[in-house]
N, C-alpha and C. Protein backbone atom coordinates (compact mmCIF):
# COMPACT_ATOMS: atom_id res chain seq x y z
N MET A 1 10.26 104.17 -67.13
CA MET A 1 9.86 104.00 -65.75
C MET A 1 9.33 102.54 -65.54
N PRO A 2 8.44 102.04 -66.38
CA PRO A 2 7.94 100.65 -66.21
C PRO A 2 9.09 99.62 -66.24
N ARG A 3 10.18 99.88 -67.12
CA ARG A 3 11.28 99.01 -67.22
C ARG A 3 12.06 99.00 -65.86
N LEU A 4 12.27 100.11 -65.29
CA LEU A 4 12.92 100.25 -64.01
C LEU A 4 12.22 99.50 -62.99
N PHE A 5 10.92 99.61 -62.94
CA PHE A 5 10.11 98.90 -61.96
C PHE A 5 10.22 97.38 -62.15
N LEU A 6 10.19 96.95 -63.38
CA LEU A 6 10.26 95.48 -63.69
C LEU A 6 11.71 95.02 -63.31
N LEU A 7 12.72 95.74 -63.53
CA LEU A 7 14.07 95.44 -63.17
C LEU A 7 14.25 95.28 -61.66
N ALA A 8 13.62 96.22 -60.93
CA ALA A 8 13.64 96.13 -59.47
C ALA A 8 12.92 94.98 -58.98
N LEU A 9 11.74 94.57 -59.60
CA LEU A 9 11.07 93.41 -59.12
C LEU A 9 11.88 92.09 -59.34
N LEU A 10 12.59 92.07 -60.47
CA LEU A 10 13.43 90.87 -60.80
C LEU A 10 14.62 90.81 -59.79
N LEU A 11 15.21 91.87 -59.41
CA LEU A 11 16.36 91.88 -58.53
C LEU A 11 16.04 91.74 -57.12
N LEU A 12 14.80 92.01 -56.66
CA LEU A 12 14.42 92.01 -55.24
C LEU A 12 14.68 90.63 -54.60
N PRO A 13 14.23 89.55 -55.28
CA PRO A 13 14.42 88.19 -54.61
C PRO A 13 15.86 87.89 -54.41
N ALA A 14 16.74 88.25 -55.37
CA ALA A 14 18.21 87.96 -55.25
C ALA A 14 18.78 88.78 -54.21
N ALA A 15 18.36 90.00 -54.05
CA ALA A 15 18.88 90.89 -52.93
C ALA A 15 18.48 90.34 -51.59
N ALA A 16 17.25 89.89 -51.53
CA ALA A 16 16.75 89.33 -50.21
C ALA A 16 17.44 88.08 -49.87
N ALA A 17 17.74 87.16 -50.81
CA ALA A 17 18.52 86.00 -50.58
C ALA A 17 19.90 86.31 -50.16
N ALA A 18 20.50 87.33 -50.76
CA ALA A 18 21.83 87.70 -50.43
C ALA A 18 22.00 88.20 -48.98
N GLN A 19 20.90 88.94 -48.57
CA GLN A 19 20.90 89.52 -47.22
C GLN A 19 20.79 88.35 -46.13
N GLY A 20 20.17 87.25 -46.50
CA GLY A 20 19.97 86.19 -45.55
C GLY A 20 21.14 85.31 -45.46
N ALA A 21 22.02 85.31 -46.45
CA ALA A 21 23.20 84.45 -46.47
C ALA A 21 24.29 84.98 -45.55
N ALA A 22 24.99 84.03 -44.92
CA ALA A 22 26.03 84.45 -44.02
C ALA A 22 27.44 83.99 -44.63
N ALA A 23 28.49 84.50 -44.06
CA ALA A 23 29.83 84.15 -44.53
C ALA A 23 30.77 83.82 -43.45
N VAL A 24 31.81 83.07 -43.69
CA VAL A 24 32.81 82.76 -42.72
C VAL A 24 34.12 82.98 -43.42
N SER A 25 35.07 83.68 -42.79
CA SER A 25 36.37 83.88 -43.38
C SER A 25 37.39 83.83 -42.24
N GLY A 26 38.62 83.63 -42.59
CA GLY A 26 39.66 83.59 -41.54
C GLY A 26 41.00 83.18 -42.09
N ARG A 27 41.90 82.70 -41.24
CA ARG A 27 43.19 82.34 -41.64
C ARG A 27 43.54 81.00 -40.99
N VAL A 28 44.26 80.20 -41.71
CA VAL A 28 44.69 78.90 -41.13
C VAL A 28 46.21 78.98 -41.03
N THR A 29 46.72 78.66 -39.81
CA THR A 29 48.12 78.76 -39.55
C THR A 29 48.64 77.44 -38.94
N GLY A 30 49.97 77.24 -38.97
CA GLY A 30 50.61 76.17 -38.36
C GLY A 30 50.94 76.43 -36.92
N PRO A 31 51.65 75.51 -36.23
CA PRO A 31 51.99 75.67 -34.80
C PRO A 31 52.76 76.96 -34.52
N ALA A 32 53.70 77.38 -35.44
CA ALA A 32 54.53 78.52 -35.18
C ALA A 32 53.87 79.83 -35.69
N GLY A 33 52.61 79.68 -36.16
CA GLY A 33 51.90 80.93 -36.59
C GLY A 33 52.09 81.21 -38.02
N ALA A 34 52.84 80.40 -38.79
CA ALA A 34 53.02 80.61 -40.22
C ALA A 34 51.77 80.13 -41.00
N PRO A 35 51.42 80.87 -42.06
CA PRO A 35 50.27 80.50 -42.80
C PRO A 35 50.38 79.15 -43.44
N VAL A 36 49.26 78.41 -43.53
CA VAL A 36 49.25 77.05 -44.13
C VAL A 36 48.51 77.20 -45.46
N GLN A 37 49.32 77.15 -46.63
CA GLN A 37 48.71 77.29 -47.93
C GLN A 37 48.18 75.87 -48.38
N GLY A 38 47.07 75.95 -49.04
CA GLY A 38 46.48 74.66 -49.63
C GLY A 38 45.66 73.85 -48.61
N ALA A 39 45.32 74.45 -47.47
CA ALA A 39 44.54 73.69 -46.53
C ALA A 39 43.07 73.76 -47.06
N ILE A 40 42.33 72.67 -46.89
CA ILE A 40 40.98 72.64 -47.31
C ILE A 40 40.07 73.00 -46.09
N VAL A 41 39.24 74.05 -46.22
CA VAL A 41 38.37 74.53 -45.14
C VAL A 41 36.93 74.24 -45.61
N SER A 42 36.19 73.52 -44.75
CA SER A 42 34.79 73.11 -45.10
C SER A 42 33.84 73.58 -44.02
N ALA A 43 32.60 73.83 -44.38
CA ALA A 43 31.55 74.20 -43.47
C ALA A 43 30.49 73.08 -43.51
N PHE A 44 30.45 72.31 -42.42
CA PHE A 44 29.51 71.23 -42.25
C PHE A 44 28.31 71.59 -41.43
N PRO A 45 27.10 71.37 -41.84
CA PRO A 45 25.96 71.68 -40.94
C PRO A 45 25.99 70.84 -39.66
N GLU A 46 25.65 71.40 -38.49
CA GLU A 46 25.66 70.68 -37.26
C GLU A 46 24.67 69.50 -37.30
N ALA A 47 23.65 69.64 -38.04
CA ALA A 47 22.60 68.58 -38.16
C ALA A 47 23.16 67.38 -38.90
N GLY A 48 24.32 67.54 -39.55
CA GLY A 48 24.81 66.41 -40.29
C GLY A 48 24.69 66.60 -41.78
N GLY A 49 25.35 65.81 -42.56
CA GLY A 49 25.26 65.84 -44.01
C GLY A 49 26.56 66.40 -44.63
N PRO A 50 26.57 66.52 -45.87
CA PRO A 50 27.80 66.94 -46.57
C PRO A 50 28.11 68.46 -46.35
N ALA A 51 29.34 68.74 -46.66
CA ALA A 51 29.75 70.17 -46.50
C ALA A 51 28.99 71.08 -47.35
N ARG A 52 28.54 72.27 -46.84
CA ARG A 52 27.77 73.24 -47.62
C ARG A 52 28.70 74.08 -48.47
N ARG A 53 29.87 74.36 -48.00
CA ARG A 53 30.83 75.20 -48.71
C ARG A 53 32.25 74.68 -48.43
N VAL A 54 33.15 74.69 -49.45
CA VAL A 54 34.49 74.25 -49.36
C VAL A 54 35.36 75.25 -50.01
N ALA A 55 36.52 75.62 -49.40
CA ALA A 55 37.47 76.50 -50.01
C ALA A 55 38.92 76.03 -49.57
N ALA A 56 39.83 76.47 -50.47
CA ALA A 56 41.26 76.14 -50.21
C ALA A 56 41.96 77.45 -49.78
N THR A 57 42.84 77.40 -48.83
CA THR A 57 43.55 78.61 -48.35
C THR A 57 44.56 79.01 -49.39
N GLY A 58 44.73 80.39 -49.44
CA GLY A 58 45.75 80.93 -50.42
C GLY A 58 47.13 80.90 -49.72
N ALA A 59 48.06 81.60 -50.48
CA ALA A 59 49.50 81.62 -49.92
C ALA A 59 49.59 82.25 -48.54
N ASP A 60 48.68 83.19 -48.28
CA ASP A 60 48.70 83.84 -46.89
C ASP A 60 47.81 83.08 -45.92
N GLY A 61 47.30 81.93 -46.28
CA GLY A 61 46.52 81.07 -45.31
C GLY A 61 45.10 81.51 -45.15
N THR A 62 44.64 82.55 -45.90
CA THR A 62 43.23 82.99 -45.74
C THR A 62 42.33 82.18 -46.62
N TYR A 63 41.01 82.18 -46.17
CA TYR A 63 39.93 81.53 -46.87
C TYR A 63 38.65 82.39 -46.69
N ARG A 64 37.64 82.01 -47.45
CA ARG A 64 36.26 82.69 -47.35
C ARG A 64 35.25 81.66 -47.83
N LEU A 65 34.29 81.47 -46.94
CA LEU A 65 33.12 80.61 -47.35
C LEU A 65 31.91 81.55 -47.26
N ALA A 66 31.41 81.84 -48.46
CA ALA A 66 30.21 82.77 -48.58
C ALA A 66 29.03 82.02 -48.99
N GLY A 67 27.87 82.64 -48.80
CA GLY A 67 26.58 82.14 -49.31
C GLY A 67 26.04 81.01 -48.41
N LEU A 68 26.39 80.99 -47.09
CA LEU A 68 25.92 79.96 -46.19
C LEU A 68 24.52 80.33 -45.60
N PRO A 69 23.58 79.51 -45.62
CA PRO A 69 22.27 79.74 -44.94
C PRO A 69 22.51 79.86 -43.45
N PRO A 70 21.75 80.72 -42.75
CA PRO A 70 21.97 80.82 -41.31
C PRO A 70 21.75 79.47 -40.66
N GLY A 71 22.53 79.23 -39.48
CA GLY A 71 22.45 78.02 -38.78
C GLY A 71 23.74 77.75 -38.09
N ALA A 72 23.78 76.55 -37.48
CA ALA A 72 25.00 76.11 -36.77
C ALA A 72 25.87 75.24 -37.68
N TYR A 73 27.16 75.43 -37.59
CA TYR A 73 28.08 74.78 -38.50
C TYR A 73 29.36 74.43 -37.80
N ARG A 74 30.02 73.38 -38.33
CA ARG A 74 31.40 72.89 -37.89
C ARG A 74 32.35 73.45 -38.97
N ILE A 75 33.25 74.29 -38.68
CA ILE A 75 34.21 74.75 -39.73
C ILE A 75 35.45 73.89 -39.42
N ARG A 76 35.82 73.25 -40.51
CA ARG A 76 36.94 72.22 -40.39
C ARG A 76 38.02 72.49 -41.43
N ALA A 77 39.29 72.57 -40.93
CA ALA A 77 40.40 72.72 -41.82
C ALA A 77 41.33 71.46 -41.81
N THR A 78 41.70 71.00 -42.99
CA THR A 78 42.57 69.84 -43.11
C THR A 78 43.66 70.09 -44.06
N ARG A 79 44.82 69.43 -43.83
CA ARG A 79 45.98 69.56 -44.75
C ARG A 79 46.91 68.38 -44.42
N LEU A 80 47.45 67.70 -45.47
CA LEU A 80 48.39 66.60 -45.34
C LEU A 80 49.58 67.02 -44.47
N GLY A 81 49.92 66.27 -43.43
CA GLY A 81 51.03 66.65 -42.60
C GLY A 81 50.55 67.39 -41.35
N PHE A 82 49.23 67.63 -41.21
CA PHE A 82 48.71 68.29 -40.03
C PHE A 82 47.47 67.56 -39.54
N ASP A 83 47.20 67.71 -38.25
CA ASP A 83 45.98 67.22 -37.68
C ASP A 83 44.86 68.23 -38.03
N ALA A 84 43.66 67.72 -38.22
CA ALA A 84 42.51 68.61 -38.55
C ALA A 84 42.10 69.51 -37.37
N ALA A 85 41.71 70.75 -37.67
CA ALA A 85 41.22 71.67 -36.60
C ALA A 85 39.76 71.96 -36.95
N GLU A 86 38.97 72.05 -35.87
CA GLU A 86 37.53 72.34 -35.98
C GLU A 86 37.10 73.37 -34.99
N ARG A 87 36.04 74.12 -35.42
CA ARG A 87 35.39 75.05 -34.47
C ARG A 87 33.88 75.02 -34.82
N GLU A 88 33.09 75.09 -33.78
CA GLU A 88 31.64 75.18 -34.00
C GLU A 88 31.23 76.67 -33.98
N VAL A 89 30.42 77.01 -34.90
CA VAL A 89 29.94 78.40 -35.00
C VAL A 89 28.41 78.40 -35.23
N SER A 90 27.79 79.50 -34.91
CA SER A 90 26.37 79.75 -35.18
C SER A 90 26.29 81.06 -36.03
N LEU A 91 25.71 80.90 -37.15
CA LEU A 91 25.61 82.04 -38.11
C LEU A 91 24.23 82.60 -38.18
N ALA A 92 24.10 83.90 -37.96
CA ALA A 92 22.80 84.61 -38.10
C ALA A 92 22.71 85.06 -39.59
N ALA A 93 21.55 85.45 -39.98
CA ALA A 93 21.38 86.02 -41.32
C ALA A 93 22.19 87.24 -41.54
N GLY A 94 22.97 87.20 -42.67
CA GLY A 94 23.78 88.38 -43.02
C GLY A 94 25.05 88.46 -42.22
N ALA A 95 25.34 87.47 -41.33
CA ALA A 95 26.60 87.60 -40.50
C ALA A 95 27.81 87.36 -41.37
N ASP A 96 28.91 87.97 -40.95
CA ASP A 96 30.21 87.76 -41.60
C ASP A 96 31.21 87.49 -40.44
N LEU A 97 31.38 86.21 -40.12
CA LEU A 97 32.16 85.85 -38.97
C LEU A 97 33.60 85.43 -39.31
N ARG A 98 34.54 85.85 -38.43
CA ARG A 98 35.91 85.49 -38.66
C ARG A 98 36.33 84.35 -37.76
N VAL A 99 36.81 83.25 -38.40
CA VAL A 99 37.18 81.99 -37.69
C VAL A 99 38.62 81.66 -38.10
N ASP A 100 39.61 81.84 -37.15
CA ASP A 100 40.99 81.48 -37.43
C ASP A 100 41.17 80.06 -36.85
N LEU A 101 41.93 79.29 -37.54
CA LEU A 101 42.17 77.89 -37.12
C LEU A 101 43.66 77.62 -37.15
N GLN A 102 44.09 76.94 -36.16
CA GLN A 102 45.57 76.57 -36.03
C GLN A 102 45.69 75.08 -36.08
N LEU A 103 46.53 74.57 -37.04
CA LEU A 103 46.71 73.16 -37.29
C LEU A 103 47.99 72.74 -36.55
N ALA A 104 47.94 71.58 -35.94
CA ALA A 104 49.08 70.96 -35.27
C ALA A 104 49.79 70.01 -36.27
N GLU A 105 51.11 70.04 -36.29
CA GLU A 105 51.81 69.15 -37.23
C GLU A 105 51.69 67.71 -36.83
N ARG A 106 51.64 66.86 -37.79
CA ARG A 106 51.55 65.42 -37.59
C ARG A 106 52.44 64.73 -38.59
N SER A 107 53.18 63.75 -38.19
CA SER A 107 54.00 63.02 -39.19
C SER A 107 53.18 62.01 -39.89
N VAL A 108 53.50 61.83 -41.14
CA VAL A 108 52.74 60.92 -42.00
C VAL A 108 53.58 59.71 -42.27
N ALA A 109 53.03 58.54 -41.99
CA ALA A 109 53.74 57.25 -42.24
C ALA A 109 53.38 56.76 -43.57
N LEU A 110 54.40 56.60 -44.41
CA LEU A 110 54.25 56.12 -45.75
C LEU A 110 54.72 54.67 -45.84
N ASP A 111 54.06 53.93 -46.74
CA ASP A 111 54.46 52.55 -46.91
C ASP A 111 55.88 52.53 -47.50
N PRO A 112 56.69 51.48 -47.15
CA PRO A 112 58.09 51.50 -47.70
C PRO A 112 58.11 51.27 -49.20
N VAL A 113 59.15 51.82 -49.83
CA VAL A 113 59.31 51.70 -51.27
C VAL A 113 60.63 50.99 -51.46
N GLU A 114 60.59 49.93 -52.28
CA GLU A 114 61.87 49.20 -52.54
C GLU A 114 62.18 49.32 -54.04
N ALA A 115 63.41 49.76 -54.34
CA ALA A 115 63.87 49.94 -55.67
C ALA A 115 64.94 48.96 -55.96
N ARG A 116 64.78 48.25 -57.07
CA ARG A 116 65.81 47.23 -57.47
C ARG A 116 66.26 47.59 -58.87
N SER A 117 67.54 47.35 -59.02
CA SER A 117 68.12 47.64 -60.31
C SER A 117 69.07 46.50 -60.67
N ARG A 118 69.24 46.26 -61.93
CA ARG A 118 70.10 45.25 -62.51
C ARG A 118 71.31 46.03 -63.13
N ARG A 119 72.46 45.76 -62.71
CA ARG A 119 73.59 46.45 -63.28
C ARG A 119 73.98 45.87 -64.64
N ASP A 120 73.97 46.69 -65.59
CA ASP A 120 74.32 46.22 -67.00
C ASP A 120 75.78 46.44 -67.21
N THR A 121 76.50 45.36 -67.26
CA THR A 121 78.01 45.40 -67.36
C THR A 121 78.52 46.14 -68.57
N GLU A 122 77.84 45.89 -69.71
CA GLU A 122 78.30 46.56 -70.91
C GLU A 122 78.15 48.07 -70.82
N ARG A 123 77.01 48.49 -70.31
CA ARG A 123 76.74 49.89 -70.19
C ARG A 123 77.77 50.52 -69.20
N GLU A 124 78.04 49.82 -68.08
CA GLU A 124 79.05 50.30 -67.06
C GLU A 124 80.43 50.44 -67.80
N ARG A 125 80.76 49.41 -68.58
CA ARG A 125 82.04 49.41 -69.17
C ARG A 125 82.27 50.58 -70.20
N ALA A 126 81.15 50.84 -70.97
CA ALA A 126 81.19 52.00 -71.96
C ALA A 126 81.30 53.24 -71.19
N ARG A 127 80.52 53.45 -70.09
CA ARG A 127 80.54 54.63 -69.32
C ARG A 127 82.00 54.80 -68.71
N PHE A 128 82.59 53.77 -68.28
CA PHE A 128 83.93 53.86 -67.63
C PHE A 128 84.96 54.34 -68.73
N GLU A 129 84.79 53.85 -69.92
CA GLU A 129 85.81 54.14 -70.96
C GLU A 129 85.60 55.55 -71.56
N THR A 130 84.36 56.02 -71.62
CA THR A 130 84.05 57.26 -72.37
C THR A 130 83.77 58.50 -71.49
N GLU A 131 83.27 58.33 -70.26
CA GLU A 131 82.83 59.43 -69.55
C GLU A 131 84.00 60.08 -68.75
N ALA A 132 84.17 61.39 -68.95
CA ALA A 132 85.21 62.09 -68.26
C ALA A 132 84.88 62.20 -66.72
N GLY A 133 85.88 62.09 -65.92
CA GLY A 133 85.65 62.18 -64.51
C GLY A 133 85.50 60.86 -63.77
N VAL A 134 85.30 59.79 -64.54
CA VAL A 134 85.19 58.51 -63.85
C VAL A 134 86.62 57.96 -63.79
N THR A 135 87.22 58.08 -62.58
CA THR A 135 88.64 57.67 -62.44
C THR A 135 88.80 56.43 -61.61
N ALA A 136 87.80 55.99 -60.88
CA ALA A 136 87.99 54.88 -59.97
C ALA A 136 86.78 54.00 -60.05
N ARG A 137 86.97 52.64 -59.96
CA ARG A 137 85.93 51.70 -60.06
C ARG A 137 86.31 50.43 -59.32
N VAL A 138 85.36 49.85 -58.63
CA VAL A 138 85.56 48.55 -58.01
C VAL A 138 85.27 47.47 -59.09
N ILE A 139 86.19 46.61 -59.28
CA ILE A 139 86.11 45.54 -60.32
C ILE A 139 86.00 44.17 -59.61
N GLY A 140 84.96 43.40 -60.02
CA GLY A 140 84.82 42.04 -59.52
C GLY A 140 85.48 41.08 -60.42
N GLY A 141 85.40 39.77 -60.01
CA GLY A 141 86.08 38.72 -60.73
C GLY A 141 85.50 38.53 -62.18
N ARG A 142 84.18 38.60 -62.34
CA ARG A 142 83.61 38.48 -63.73
C ARG A 142 84.03 39.60 -64.55
N GLU A 143 84.12 40.80 -64.06
CA GLU A 143 84.47 41.95 -64.89
C GLU A 143 85.91 41.92 -65.25
N LEU A 144 86.77 41.29 -64.42
CA LEU A 144 88.15 41.18 -64.73
C LEU A 144 88.38 40.31 -65.95
N LYS A 145 87.53 39.35 -66.16
CA LYS A 145 87.68 38.42 -67.35
C LYS A 145 87.28 39.14 -68.64
N VAL A 146 86.31 40.16 -68.62
CA VAL A 146 85.91 40.78 -69.81
C VAL A 146 86.69 42.03 -70.19
N LEU A 147 87.46 42.59 -69.25
CA LEU A 147 88.28 43.78 -69.60
C LEU A 147 89.48 43.36 -70.42
N PRO A 148 89.75 44.10 -71.47
CA PRO A 148 90.89 43.81 -72.37
C PRO A 148 92.19 43.99 -71.59
N GLY A 149 93.13 43.04 -71.75
CA GLY A 149 94.47 43.17 -71.15
C GLY A 149 94.56 42.72 -69.74
N MET A 150 93.41 42.30 -69.15
CA MET A 150 93.52 41.89 -67.76
C MET A 150 94.00 40.38 -67.60
N GLY A 151 94.06 39.72 -68.72
CA GLY A 151 94.62 38.36 -68.76
C GLY A 151 96.10 38.46 -68.85
N GLU A 152 96.67 39.62 -68.97
CA GLU A 152 98.07 39.87 -69.08
C GLU A 152 98.81 39.45 -67.82
N ALA A 153 99.95 38.68 -67.97
CA ALA A 153 100.68 38.22 -66.86
C ALA A 153 101.40 39.40 -66.14
N ASP A 154 101.86 40.40 -66.94
CA ASP A 154 102.53 41.56 -66.36
C ASP A 154 101.50 42.58 -65.89
N VAL A 155 101.48 42.91 -64.63
CA VAL A 155 100.47 43.84 -64.02
C VAL A 155 100.61 45.20 -64.60
N LEU A 156 101.82 45.63 -64.80
CA LEU A 156 101.99 47.03 -65.40
C LEU A 156 101.45 47.10 -66.77
N ARG A 157 101.59 46.09 -67.57
CA ARG A 157 100.98 46.14 -68.93
C ARG A 157 99.51 46.14 -68.80
N ALA A 158 98.96 45.38 -67.89
CA ALA A 158 97.47 45.35 -67.77
C ALA A 158 96.87 46.70 -67.35
N VAL A 159 97.53 47.38 -66.52
CA VAL A 159 97.11 48.66 -66.01
C VAL A 159 97.28 49.67 -67.22
N GLU A 160 98.27 49.54 -67.97
CA GLU A 160 98.53 50.43 -69.15
C GLU A 160 97.41 50.33 -70.15
N VAL A 161 96.85 49.16 -70.29
CA VAL A 161 95.79 48.97 -71.30
C VAL A 161 94.52 49.71 -70.81
N LEU A 162 94.28 49.81 -69.52
CA LEU A 162 93.11 50.50 -68.99
C LEU A 162 93.27 51.93 -69.24
């Protein structure tokens, strides 16, 4: 009996704290109502400061932010390719509020990427001679000089060598 009393005394503060905490859950969707997976949902105190809780949405677009102290919050959802969505909420002790957010699509401008390559003539020549299915190729003046038989005066003989 004394052990049970001691256990109850130890668990009482944790139970009281859990009753005071509030939670926010909901679903994040896109413009067509489809769930947005991987959106980051944060609860920022209205008074300012860093986010109290952060969660990522699952495949079905749902999230849950638990253990929030009572107070006023901005619930914010963000995802690359979408504009952020926000709602202001007021949480009472023990509240479990549902906040659904809809994100609007936004195009993302990326810096241009330039790819340069140097054509290796020997590698191209080996590929042309050994790889099946390569039946046509544009040949420039420099390449004509290195191909065997292209110095041949008779055109048919030169083509036969290829």
